[in-house]
């Protein structure tokens, strides 16, 4: 971890803008309760989206640029963007936040590329360690206790962090019995994720280049746009509707996600609601 990452590099003004963006007050203490509140509010305010890839916008793994994208431009992003920005906010508020690399686990158990995903190891002022992740789409609403190996109930399901035998301390993050990603607990720096981010924004094999997704947790479910389809889940019931005109699509981005688009992203493949980071 760099000295900048250890100390927290955001100005008070930037912290204020970020907190306003997620609708949170500045916590008096960097404890577990405040972390849970910040994590949930982030998920409710900042969408998981890959619009930049399909709008031809540059994605730069730079802390200030990513914080500005979230807090000033009022956009979202994918894992490298969202968790980098969230880590910067947490450090400025007194938490220790480290970047961890993970490889997404497919339905067949196959692991993704190195640096496939970024998650956060967060330590609060009481010394408790948490796995925070605001960049995996439909995932846990609250941080998970990093050192707990039993079941952890969350509004989105039951999670388990389990040791992976035969590895150098790797951990599988499991939701409702299904492994989601394999986490390497050694802290990394932002530059380590450059190759993974480049792959996911350029490779034809990446989920992110093959479809457009914008998804946000809501108080009663989730709302997503995949291509030109609007998906809503309310109290477990899912509906979908095609957005037939460009104006309908623009209005949906504006009204549901607060994203104002001068041009629309290309949508080569329709993606479904709840698509997770790759």
Protein backbone atom coordinates (compact mmCIF):
# COMPACT_ATOMS: atom_id res chain seq x y z
CA UNK A 1 0.00 0.00 0.00
CA UNK A 2 1.31 3.45 -0.87
CA UNK A 3 1.65 6.26 1.67
CA UNK A 4 -1.19 8.03 -0.16
CA UNK A 5 -3.40 4.97 0.23
CA UNK A 6 -2.56 4.63 3.91
CA UNK A 7 -3.29 8.23 4.83
CA UNK A 8 -6.33 8.93 2.70
CA UNK A 9 -5.80 11.43 -0.12
CA UNK A 10 -9.21 13.12 -0.37
CA UNK A 11 -9.74 16.74 0.61
CA UNK A 12 -12.52 17.66 3.03
CA UNK A 13 -14.43 19.13 0.09
CA UNK A 14 -14.13 15.88 -1.88
CA UNK A 15 -15.26 13.86 1.13
CA UNK A 16 -18.26 16.16 1.51
CA UNK A 17 -19.23 15.76 -2.15
CA UNK A 18 -18.87 12.00 -1.93
CA UNK A 19 -20.98 11.74 1.22
CA UNK A 20 -23.64 13.95 -0.37
CA UNK A 21 -23.62 11.67 -3.42
CA UNK A 22 -24.44 8.60 -1.33
CA UNK A 23 -26.75 10.45 1.06
CA UNK A 24 -24.70 9.85 4.19
CA UNK A 25 -23.62 12.06 7.07
CA UNK A 26 -19.95 12.13 8.04
CA UNK A 27 -19.55 9.44 10.71
CA UNK A 28 -18.28 10.51 14.10
CA UNK A 29 -16.27 7.31 14.40
CA UNK A 30 -14.83 4.89 11.84
CA UNK A 31 -16.54 1.88 13.37
CA UNK A 32 -18.44 -1.13 12.05
CA UNK A 33 -21.86 0.52 12.24
CA UNK A 34 -20.79 3.48 10.14
CA UNK A 35 -19.11 1.17 7.62
CA UNK A 36 -22.33 -0.81 7.20
CA UNK A 37 -24.30 2.40 6.65
CA UNK A 38 -21.83 3.73 4.08
CA UNK A 39 -21.70 0.41 2.23
CA UNK A 40 -25.48 0.12 1.95
CA UNK A 41 -25.98 3.75 0.98
CA UNK A 42 -23.31 3.43 -1.69
CA UNK A 43 -25.13 0.49 -3.24
CA UNK A 44 -28.44 2.38 -3.15
CA UNK A 45 -26.99 5.51 -4.79
CA UNK A 46 -24.15 4.54 -7.15
CA UNK A 47 -24.97 2.12 -9.99
CA UNK A 48 -22.88 -0.78 -11.15
CA UNK A 49 -22.48 0.06 -14.84
CA UNK A 50 -20.18 -0.37 -17.82
CA UNK A 51 -21.46 2.52 -19.94
CA UNK A 52 -18.01 4.06 -20.42
CA UNK A 53 -16.87 1.01 -22.39
CA UNK A 54 -19.76 1.41 -24.85
CA UNK A 55 -19.61 5.20 -24.98
CA UNK A 56 -15.95 5.30 -25.97
CA UNK A 57 -15.00 7.02 -22.71
CA UNK A 58 -11.53 6.50 -21.31
CA UNK A 59 -11.31 4.53 -18.07
CA UNK A 60 -8.32 5.63 -16.04
CA UNK A 61 -7.31 3.80 -12.87
CA UNK A 62 -6.54 6.96 -10.95
CA UNK A 63 -8.02 7.54 -7.51
CA UNK A 64 -8.92 11.20 -7.98
CA UNK A 65 -10.41 10.63 -11.42
CA UNK A 66 -12.55 7.78 -10.13
CA UNK A 67 -13.75 9.70 -7.08
CA UNK A 68 -14.68 12.59 -9.37
CA UNK A 69 -16.56 10.20 -11.67
CA UNK A 70 -18.68 9.00 -8.76
CA UNK A 71 -19.03 12.15 -6.68
CA UNK A 72 -18.95 14.94 -9.29
CA UNK A 73 -20.06 13.39 -12.58
CA UNK A 74 -22.55 11.28 -10.56
CA UNK A 75 -21.83 8.15 -12.53
CA UNK A 76 -21.19 4.57 -11.48
CA UNK A 77 -18.71 2.06 -12.81
CA UNK A 78 -17.47 -1.49 -12.55
CA UNK A 79 -15.44 -3.07 -9.76
CA UNK A 80 -12.09 -1.35 -10.32
CA UNK A 81 -13.76 2.04 -10.40
CA UNK A 82 -16.30 1.68 -7.61
CA UNK A 83 -14.14 -0.09 -5.06
CA UNK A 84 -11.17 2.21 -5.69
CA UNK A 85 -13.36 5.26 -5.08
CA UNK A 86 -15.02 3.72 -2.02
CA UNK A 87 -11.63 2.80 -0.56
CA UNK A 88 -10.49 6.41 -0.94
CA UNK A 89 -13.57 7.62 0.92
CA UNK A 90 -13.10 5.10 3.71
CA UNK A 91 -9.46 6.01 4.22
CA UNK A 92 -10.35 9.68 4.44
CA UNK A 93 -12.90 8.81 7.13
CA UNK A 94 -10.37 6.93 9.27
CA UNK A 95 -10.65 3.33 8.08
CA UNK A 96 -7.78 1.27 6.78
CA UNK A 97 -8.77 0.02 3.34
CA UNK A 98 -6.67 -2.31 1.20
CA UNK A 99 -7.27 -3.52 -2.35
CA UNK A 100 -7.58 -7.27 -2.84
CA UNK A 101 -7.55 -9.15 -6.12
CA UNK A 102 -10.05 -11.89 -6.86
CA UNK A 103 -10.91 -14.27 -9.69
CA UNK A 104 -14.58 -14.77 -10.47
CA UNK A 105 -15.79 -18.37 -10.26
CA UNK A 106 -17.99 -19.54 -13.11
CA UNK A 107 -20.89 -21.99 -12.82
CA UNK A 108 -18.53 -24.83 -13.76
CA UNK A 109 -16.08 -23.83 -11.01
CA UNK A 110 -13.55 -22.42 -13.46
CA UNK A 111 -11.72 -19.35 -12.21
CA UNK A 112 -11.38 -16.16 -14.20
CA UNK A 113 -8.26 -14.26 -15.14
CA UNK A 114 -5.91 -12.84 -12.49
CA UNK A 115 -7.14 -9.46 -11.26
CA UNK A 116 -10.58 -10.34 -12.61
CA UNK A 117 -12.20 -8.47 -9.74
CA UNK A 118 -11.28 -5.98 -7.00
CA UNK A 119 -12.65 -6.17 -3.47
CA UNK A 120 -11.68 -4.38 -0.26
CA UNK A 121 -10.29 -5.48 3.09
CA UNK A 122 -11.37 -2.80 5.56
CA UNK A 123 -10.26 -2.47 9.17
CA UNK A 124 -12.32 -0.31 11.53
CA UNK A 125 -11.09 1.64 14.55
CA UNK A 126 -11.86 -1.29 16.82
CA UNK A 127 -9.55 -3.56 14.84
CA UNK A 128 -12.29 -5.66 13.22
CA UNK A 129 -11.70 -6.65 9.60
CA UNK A 130 -14.39 -6.58 6.92
CA UNK A 131 -14.76 -7.65 3.31
CA UNK A 132 -16.39 -4.68 1.59
CA UNK A 133 -17.48 -4.83 -2.04
CA UNK A 134 -19.63 -2.19 -3.76
CA UNK A 135 -18.53 -3.29 -7.23
CA UNK A 136 -19.95 -6.77 -7.85
CA UNK A 137 -23.47 -5.92 -8.95
CA UNK A 138 -26.04 -8.05 -7.12
CA UNK A 139 -24.04 -9.06 -4.05
CA UNK A 140 -24.06 -8.61 -0.27
CA UNK A 141 -25.76 -5.44 0.94
CA UNK A 142 -23.47 -5.13 3.95
CA UNK A 143 -19.77 -5.84 4.50
CA UNK A 144 -18.91 -9.39 5.53
CA UNK A 145 -16.86 -10.19 8.63
CA UNK A 146 -13.54 -11.11 7.03
CA UNK A 147 -12.33 -13.49 9.75
CA UNK A 148 -15.67 -15.28 10.24
CA UNK A 149 -15.87 -18.74 8.68
CA UNK A 150 -19.47 -19.51 9.56
CA UNK A 151 -22.66 -18.45 7.82
CA UNK A 152 -23.34 -14.71 7.55
CA UNK A 153 -26.93 -13.70 6.88
CA UNK A 154 -27.47 -10.73 4.58
CA UNK A 155 -30.57 -9.25 2.95
CA UNK A 156 -29.38 -10.74 -0.36
CA UNK A 157 -28.66 -14.25 0.93
CA UNK A 158 -26.45 -16.30 3.21
CA UNK A 159 -22.71 -15.83 2.72
CA UNK A 160 -19.73 -17.89 3.78
CA UNK A 161 -16.05 -16.99 3.48
CA UNK A 162 -14.18 -20.27 3.38
CA UNK A 163 -10.53 -21.29 3.18
CA UNK A 164 -9.42 -22.96 -0.05
CA UNK A 165 -7.29 -26.05 0.67
CA UNK A 166 -4.01 -26.35 -1.19
CA UNK A 167 -3.63 -22.61 -1.79
CA UNK A 168 -1.54 -19.92 -0.15
CA UNK A 169 -4.38 -18.61 2.00
CA UNK A 170 -6.95 -18.05 -0.76
CA UNK A 171 -10.59 -17.63 0.25
CA UNK A 172 -13.80 -18.42 -1.59
CA UNK A 173 -16.72 -16.03 -1.12
CA UNK A 174 -19.89 -18.13 -1.32
CA UNK A 175 -23.49 -16.95 -1.57
CA UNK A 176 -26.37 -19.37 -0.94
CA UNK A 177 -24.05 -22.30 -1.55
CA UNK A 178 -22.66 -20.98 -4.84
CA UNK A 179 -19.02 -19.78 -4.93
CA UNK A 180 -18.88 -16.23 -6.30
CA UNK A 181 -15.19 -15.41 -6.38
CA UNK A 182 -11.81 -16.57 -5.10
CA UNK A 183 -10.03 -13.93 -3.08
CA UNK A 184 -6.32 -13.57 -2.52
CA UNK A 185 -5.83 -11.88 0.88
CA UNK A 186 -2.51 -10.21 0.07
CA UNK A 187 -2.95 -6.41 -0.32
CA UNK A 188 -2.36 -4.95 -3.77
CA UNK A 189 -1.86 -1.48 -5.22
CA UNK A 190 -4.07 0.10 -7.85
CA UNK A 191 -1.51 -0.29 -10.64
CA UNK A 192 -1.69 -4.07 -10.21
CA UNK A 193 -5.22 -4.03 -11.66
CA UNK A 194 -4.31 -2.29 -14.93
CA UNK A 195 -4.11 -5.51 -16.96
CA UNK A 196 -7.42 -6.85 -15.64
CA UNK A 197 -9.18 -3.57 -16.31
CA UNK A 198 -7.70 -3.38 -19.81
CA UNK A 199 -8.86 -6.92 -20.56
CA UNK A 200 -12.41 -6.29 -19.41
CA UNK A 201 -12.79 -3.07 -21.36
CA UNK A 202 -11.24 -4.37 -24.60
CA UNK A 203 -11.44 -8.15 -24.96
CA UNK A 204 -14.27 -9.68 -27.03
CA UNK A 205 -14.33 -12.45 -24.41
CA UNK A 206 -15.18 -10.03 -21.59
CA UNK A 207 -18.77 -9.82 -20.36
CA UNK A 208 -18.36 -6.06 -20.33
CA UNK A 209 -17.60 -5.64 -24.02
CA UNK A 210 -20.40 -8.01 -25.04
CA UNK A 211 -23.25 -6.10 -23.42
CA UNK A 212 -24.37 -2.93 -21.69
CA UNK A 213 -25.49 -3.10 -18.07
CA UNK A 214 -26.56 -0.51 -15.52
CA UNK A 215 -27.92 -1.83 -12.24
CA UNK A 216 -28.83 -0.36 -8.87
CA UNK A 217 -30.04 -1.73 -5.55
CA UNK A 218 -33.35 -0.22 -4.43
CA UNK A 219 -35.13 -0.18 -1.08
CA UNK A 220 -37.46 -2.95 -2.23
CA UNK A 221 -35.41 -4.80 -4.82
CA UNK A 222 -33.30 -3.88 -7.82
CA UNK A 223 -33.61 -1.95 -11.07
CA UNK A 224 -31.46 -2.60 -14.13
CA UNK A 225 -31.10 -1.78 -17.78
CA UNK A 226 -29.56 -4.50 -19.93
CA UNK A 227 -29.22 -3.32 -23.53
CA UNK A 228 -32.66 -1.82 -24.17
CA UNK A 229 -34.56 -3.86 -21.60
CA UNK A 230 -35.65 -2.46 -18.26
CA UNK A 231 -35.71 -5.01 -15.44
CA UNK A 232 -37.34 -4.39 -12.06
CA UNK A 233 -37.45 -6.66 -9.05
CA UNK A 234 -39.83 -5.66 -6.26
CA UNK A 235 -40.29 -7.92 -3.24
CA UNK A 236 -38.91 -10.84 -5.22
CA UNK A 237 -41.17 -10.34 -8.25
CA UNK A 238 -39.38 -9.51 -11.50
CA UNK A 239 -40.79 -7.68 -14.48
CA UNK A 240 -39.19 -6.54 -17.70
CA UNK A 241 -40.07 -4.02 -20.38
CA UNK A 242 -38.48 -3.12 -23.68
CA UNK A 243 -37.44 0.52 -24.08
CA UNK A 244 -38.36 0.94 -27.70
CA UNK A 245 -37.20 4.48 -28.44
CA UNK A 246 -34.00 6.35 -27.75
CA UNK A 247 -35.94 8.88 -25.70
CA UNK A 248 -37.41 6.14 -23.50
CA UNK A 249 -33.93 4.78 -22.92
CA UNK A 250 -32.47 8.20 -22.10
CA UNK A 251 -35.35 8.93 -19.72
CA UNK A 252 -34.88 5.61 -17.93
CA UNK A 253 -31.16 6.31 -17.39
CA UNK A 254 -32.00 9.80 -16.17
CA UNK A 255 -34.93 8.98 -13.91
CA UNK A 256 -33.73 5.68 -12.44
CA UNK A 257 -29.98 6.22 -12.21
CA UNK A 258 -29.49 9.98 -12.44
CA UNK A 259 -27.32 9.50 -15.55
CA UNK A 260 -27.78 12.07 -18.31
CA UNK A 261 -26.48 10.84 -21.66
CA UNK A 262 -25.78 13.01 -24.72
CA UNK A 263 -25.40 9.83 -26.76
CA UNK A 264 -26.51 6.29 -26.08
CA UNK A 265 -24.18 3.34 -25.59
CA UNK A 266 -24.09 0.63 -28.20
CA UNK A 267 -25.82 -2.56 -27.08
CA UNK A 268 -24.37 -5.53 -29.00
CA UNK A 269 -25.93 -8.15 -26.73
CA UNK A 270 -28.88 -7.87 -24.35
CA UNK A 271 -27.80 -8.67 -20.81
CA UNK A 272 -30.07 -9.71 -17.97
CA UNK A 273 -30.69 -8.15 -14.60
CA UNK A 274 -28.26 -8.95 -11.84
CA UNK A 275 -25.27 -9.56 -14.13
CA UNK A 276 -22.35 -9.57 -11.80
CA UNK A 277 -18.85 -8.35 -12.31
CA UNK A 278 -17.44 -10.54 -14.98
